[in-house]
């Protein structure tokens, strides 16, 4: 399907440059860009904090993820 869109000159120039550097056509570049923008976002997975000290050491004062969030982000 064909369509017409208006883009700022500097944006089009950057898109053309990026497409050329990537070795793809401008059409392919825009298809990839739109597909990436419309792709469903994957939820970020929370990793446990790294262990500090010996793995055999007794653990004290271990914070829950919610407590860490509160401490860092208020």
N, C-alpha and C. Protein backbone atom coordinates (compact mmCIF):
# COMPACT_ATOMS: atom_id res chain seq x y z
N UNK A 1 0.84 -1.17 0.00
CA UNK A 1 0.00 0.00 0.00
C UNK A 1 0.89 1.24 0.00
N UNK A 2 0.50 2.21 -0.73
CA UNK A 2 1.24 3.46 -0.75
C UNK A 2 0.54 4.48 0.13
N UNK A 3 1.34 5.32 0.75
CA UNK A 3 0.79 6.42 1.53
C UNK A 3 1.78 7.58 1.49
N UNK A 4 1.32 8.74 1.84
CA UNK A 4 2.17 9.93 1.86
C UNK A 4 2.20 10.46 3.28
N UNK A 5 3.40 10.74 3.77
CA UNK A 5 3.54 11.36 5.08
C UNK A 5 4.50 12.53 4.95
N UNK A 6 4.33 13.50 5.81
CA UNK A 6 5.23 14.65 5.83
C UNK A 6 6.18 14.50 7.00
N UNK A 7 7.46 14.61 6.73
CA UNK A 7 8.48 14.51 7.77
C UNK A 7 9.33 15.77 7.75
N UNK A 8 9.82 16.18 8.90
CA UNK A 8 10.76 17.30 8.92
C UNK A 8 12.00 16.94 8.09
N UNK A 9 12.55 17.92 7.40
CA UNK A 9 13.70 17.68 6.51
C UNK A 9 14.86 17.00 7.22
N UNK A 10 15.18 17.46 8.45
CA UNK A 10 16.32 16.87 9.15
C UNK A 10 16.06 15.42 9.54
N UNK A 11 14.81 15.08 9.87
CA UNK A 11 14.47 13.70 10.22
C UNK A 11 14.61 12.79 9.00
N UNK A 12 14.12 13.24 7.86
CA UNK A 12 14.24 12.45 6.64
C UNK A 12 15.70 12.27 6.24
N UNK A 13 16.50 13.30 6.40
CA UNK A 13 17.93 13.20 6.07
C UNK A 13 18.61 12.18 6.98
N UNK A 14 18.28 12.20 8.27
CA UNK A 14 18.87 11.22 9.20
C UNK A 14 18.42 9.81 8.86
N UNK A 15 17.15 9.66 8.49
CA UNK A 15 16.64 8.33 8.12
C UNK A 15 17.35 7.81 6.88
N UNK A 16 17.50 8.66 5.88
CA UNK A 16 18.21 8.25 4.65
C UNK A 16 19.64 7.85 4.96
N UNK A 17 20.30 8.63 5.80
CA UNK A 17 21.68 8.35 6.16
C UNK A 17 21.79 7.02 6.90
N UNK A 18 20.91 6.81 7.88
CA UNK A 18 20.93 5.57 8.65
C UNK A 18 20.64 4.38 7.76
N UNK A 19 19.69 4.51 6.85
CA UNK A 19 19.35 3.42 5.94
C UNK A 19 20.56 3.07 5.08
N UNK A 20 21.22 4.09 4.54
CA UNK A 20 22.39 3.86 3.68
C UNK A 20 23.52 3.18 4.46
N UNK A 21 23.76 3.65 5.67
CA UNK A 21 24.81 3.05 6.49
C UNK A 21 24.49 1.61 6.86
N UNK A 22 23.20 1.31 6.99
CA UNK A 22 22.77 -0.06 7.33
C UNK A 22 22.66 -0.96 6.11
N UNK A 23 22.76 -0.36 4.93
CA UNK A 23 22.68 -1.13 3.70
C UNK A 23 21.27 -1.59 3.35
N UNK A 24 20.27 -0.82 3.77
CA UNK A 24 18.88 -1.16 3.44
C UNK A 24 18.24 0.01 2.72
N UNK A 25 17.15 -0.28 2.03
CA UNK A 25 16.43 0.81 1.35
C UNK A 25 15.70 1.65 2.38
N UNK A 26 15.30 2.84 1.99
CA UNK A 26 14.55 3.72 2.88
C UNK A 26 13.22 3.07 3.26
N UNK A 27 12.62 2.38 2.30
CA UNK A 27 11.36 1.67 2.57
C UNK A 27 11.58 0.62 3.66
N UNK A 28 12.64 -0.19 3.52
CA UNK A 28 12.93 -1.22 4.53
C UNK A 28 13.23 -0.59 5.89
N UNK A 29 13.94 0.53 5.86
CA UNK A 29 14.27 1.22 7.10
C UNK A 29 13.01 1.64 7.84
N UNK A 30 12.06 2.25 7.12
CA UNK A 30 10.83 2.70 7.76
C UNK A 30 9.96 1.54 8.21
N UNK A 31 9.94 0.44 7.45
CA UNK A 31 9.17 -0.73 7.87
C UNK A 31 9.72 -1.26 9.19
N UNK A 32 11.04 -1.39 9.28
CA UNK A 32 11.67 -1.86 10.52
C UNK A 32 11.36 -0.92 11.68
N UNK A 33 11.46 0.38 11.44
CA UNK A 33 11.23 1.36 12.50
C UNK A 33 9.80 1.29 13.02
N UNK A 34 8.84 1.19 12.12
CA UNK A 34 7.44 1.12 12.53
C UNK A 34 7.15 -0.19 13.24
N UNK A 35 7.71 -1.30 12.73
CA UNK A 35 7.51 -2.59 13.39
C UNK A 35 8.08 -2.58 14.81
N UNK A 36 9.25 -1.98 14.99
CA UNK A 36 9.83 -1.90 16.33
C UNK A 36 8.96 -1.08 17.27
N UNK A 37 8.44 0.02 16.75
CA UNK A 37 7.61 0.89 17.58
C UNK A 37 6.30 0.22 17.98
N UNK A 38 5.76 -0.62 17.09
CA UNK A 38 4.48 -1.27 17.35
C UNK A 38 4.61 -2.62 18.05
N UNK A 39 5.82 -3.12 18.22
CA UNK A 39 6.03 -4.41 18.87
C UNK A 39 5.60 -4.33 20.33
N UNK A 40 5.00 -5.39 20.83
CA UNK A 40 4.62 -5.36 22.26
C UNK A 40 5.86 -5.27 23.13
N UNK A 41 5.74 -4.48 24.17
CA UNK A 41 6.87 -4.30 25.08
C UNK A 41 6.94 -5.49 26.03
N UNK A 42 8.14 -5.96 26.23
CA UNK A 42 8.34 -7.06 27.16
C UNK A 42 8.55 -6.50 28.56
N UNK A 43 7.91 -7.15 29.51
CA UNK A 43 8.05 -6.71 30.90
C UNK A 43 9.49 -6.94 31.35
N UNK A 44 10.01 -5.98 32.06
CA UNK A 44 11.36 -6.12 32.59
C UNK A 44 11.31 -7.08 33.77
N UNK A 45 12.26 -7.97 33.81
CA UNK A 45 12.31 -8.92 34.91
C UNK A 45 13.27 -8.40 35.97
N UNK A 46 12.86 -8.54 37.19
CA UNK A 46 13.69 -8.08 38.31
C UNK A 46 14.64 -9.20 38.69
N UNK A 47 15.91 -8.88 38.71
CA UNK A 47 16.91 -9.83 39.16
C UNK A 47 17.18 -9.58 40.63
N UNK A 48 17.50 -10.62 41.36
CA UNK A 48 17.82 -10.39 42.78
C UNK A 48 19.13 -9.61 42.89
N UNK A 49 19.28 -8.86 43.96
CA UNK A 49 20.52 -8.10 44.13
C UNK A 49 21.70 -9.06 44.27
N UNK A 50 22.87 -8.64 43.86
CA UNK A 50 24.03 -9.53 43.97
C UNK A 50 24.38 -9.81 45.43
N UNK A 51 24.89 -10.99 45.65
CA UNK A 51 25.31 -11.35 47.00
C UNK A 51 26.61 -10.62 47.32
N UNK A 52 26.70 -10.13 48.52
CA UNK A 52 27.91 -9.44 48.96
C UNK A 52 28.54 -10.27 50.06
N UNK A 53 29.79 -10.60 49.92
CA UNK A 53 30.47 -11.40 50.92
C UNK A 53 30.37 -12.88 50.60
N UNK A 54 30.65 -13.68 51.56
CA UNK A 54 30.67 -15.13 51.40
C UNK A 54 29.25 -15.67 51.26
N UNK A 55 29.09 -16.63 50.36
CA UNK A 55 27.78 -17.25 50.17
C UNK A 55 27.37 -18.03 51.40
N UNK A 56 28.34 -18.43 52.22
CA UNK A 56 28.04 -19.22 53.43
C UNK A 56 27.79 -18.33 54.65
N UNK A 57 28.04 -17.05 54.50
CA UNK A 57 27.85 -16.16 55.64
C UNK A 57 26.37 -16.02 55.98
N UNK A 58 26.11 -15.79 57.26
CA UNK A 58 24.75 -15.62 57.71
C UNK A 58 24.18 -14.33 57.12
N UNK A 59 22.97 -14.39 56.63
CA UNK A 59 22.32 -13.22 56.03
C UNK A 59 21.59 -12.42 57.10
N UNK A 60 21.84 -11.14 57.13
CA UNK A 60 21.11 -10.28 58.05
C UNK A 60 20.64 -9.05 57.29
N UNK A 61 19.53 -8.55 57.68
CA UNK A 61 19.02 -7.31 57.09
C UNK A 61 18.73 -7.40 55.60
N UNK A 62 18.23 -8.54 55.13
CA UNK A 62 17.90 -8.68 53.72
C UNK A 62 16.62 -7.92 53.43
N UNK A 63 16.68 -7.05 52.44
CA UNK A 63 15.51 -6.25 52.09
C UNK A 63 14.71 -6.92 50.99
N UNK A 64 13.41 -6.75 51.05
CA UNK A 64 12.51 -7.26 50.01
C UNK A 64 12.56 -6.28 48.83
N UNK A 65 12.22 -6.75 47.62
CA UNK A 65 12.23 -5.86 46.45
C UNK A 65 11.40 -4.59 46.67
N UNK A 66 10.27 -4.71 47.36
CA UNK A 66 9.42 -3.54 47.60
C UNK A 66 10.14 -2.52 48.50
N UNK A 67 10.92 -3.04 49.47
CA UNK A 67 11.66 -2.15 50.36
C UNK A 67 12.79 -1.45 49.60
N UNK A 68 13.44 -2.18 48.69
CA UNK A 68 14.47 -1.55 47.87
C UNK A 68 13.88 -0.45 47.01
N UNK A 69 12.73 -0.74 46.37
CA UNK A 69 12.07 0.28 45.55
C UNK A 69 11.76 1.52 46.37
N UNK A 70 11.25 1.31 47.57
CA UNK A 70 10.90 2.43 48.43
C UNK A 70 12.15 3.23 48.81
N UNK A 71 13.24 2.52 49.12
CA UNK A 71 14.48 3.19 49.50
C UNK A 71 15.07 4.00 48.36
N UNK A 72 14.99 3.44 47.14
CA UNK A 72 15.60 4.12 45.98
C UNK A 72 14.69 5.17 45.38
N UNK A 73 13.40 4.89 45.30
CA UNK A 73 12.50 5.75 44.53
C UNK A 73 11.47 6.51 45.37
N UNK A 74 11.45 6.25 46.65
CA UNK A 74 10.56 7.00 47.54
C UNK A 74 9.14 6.60 47.55
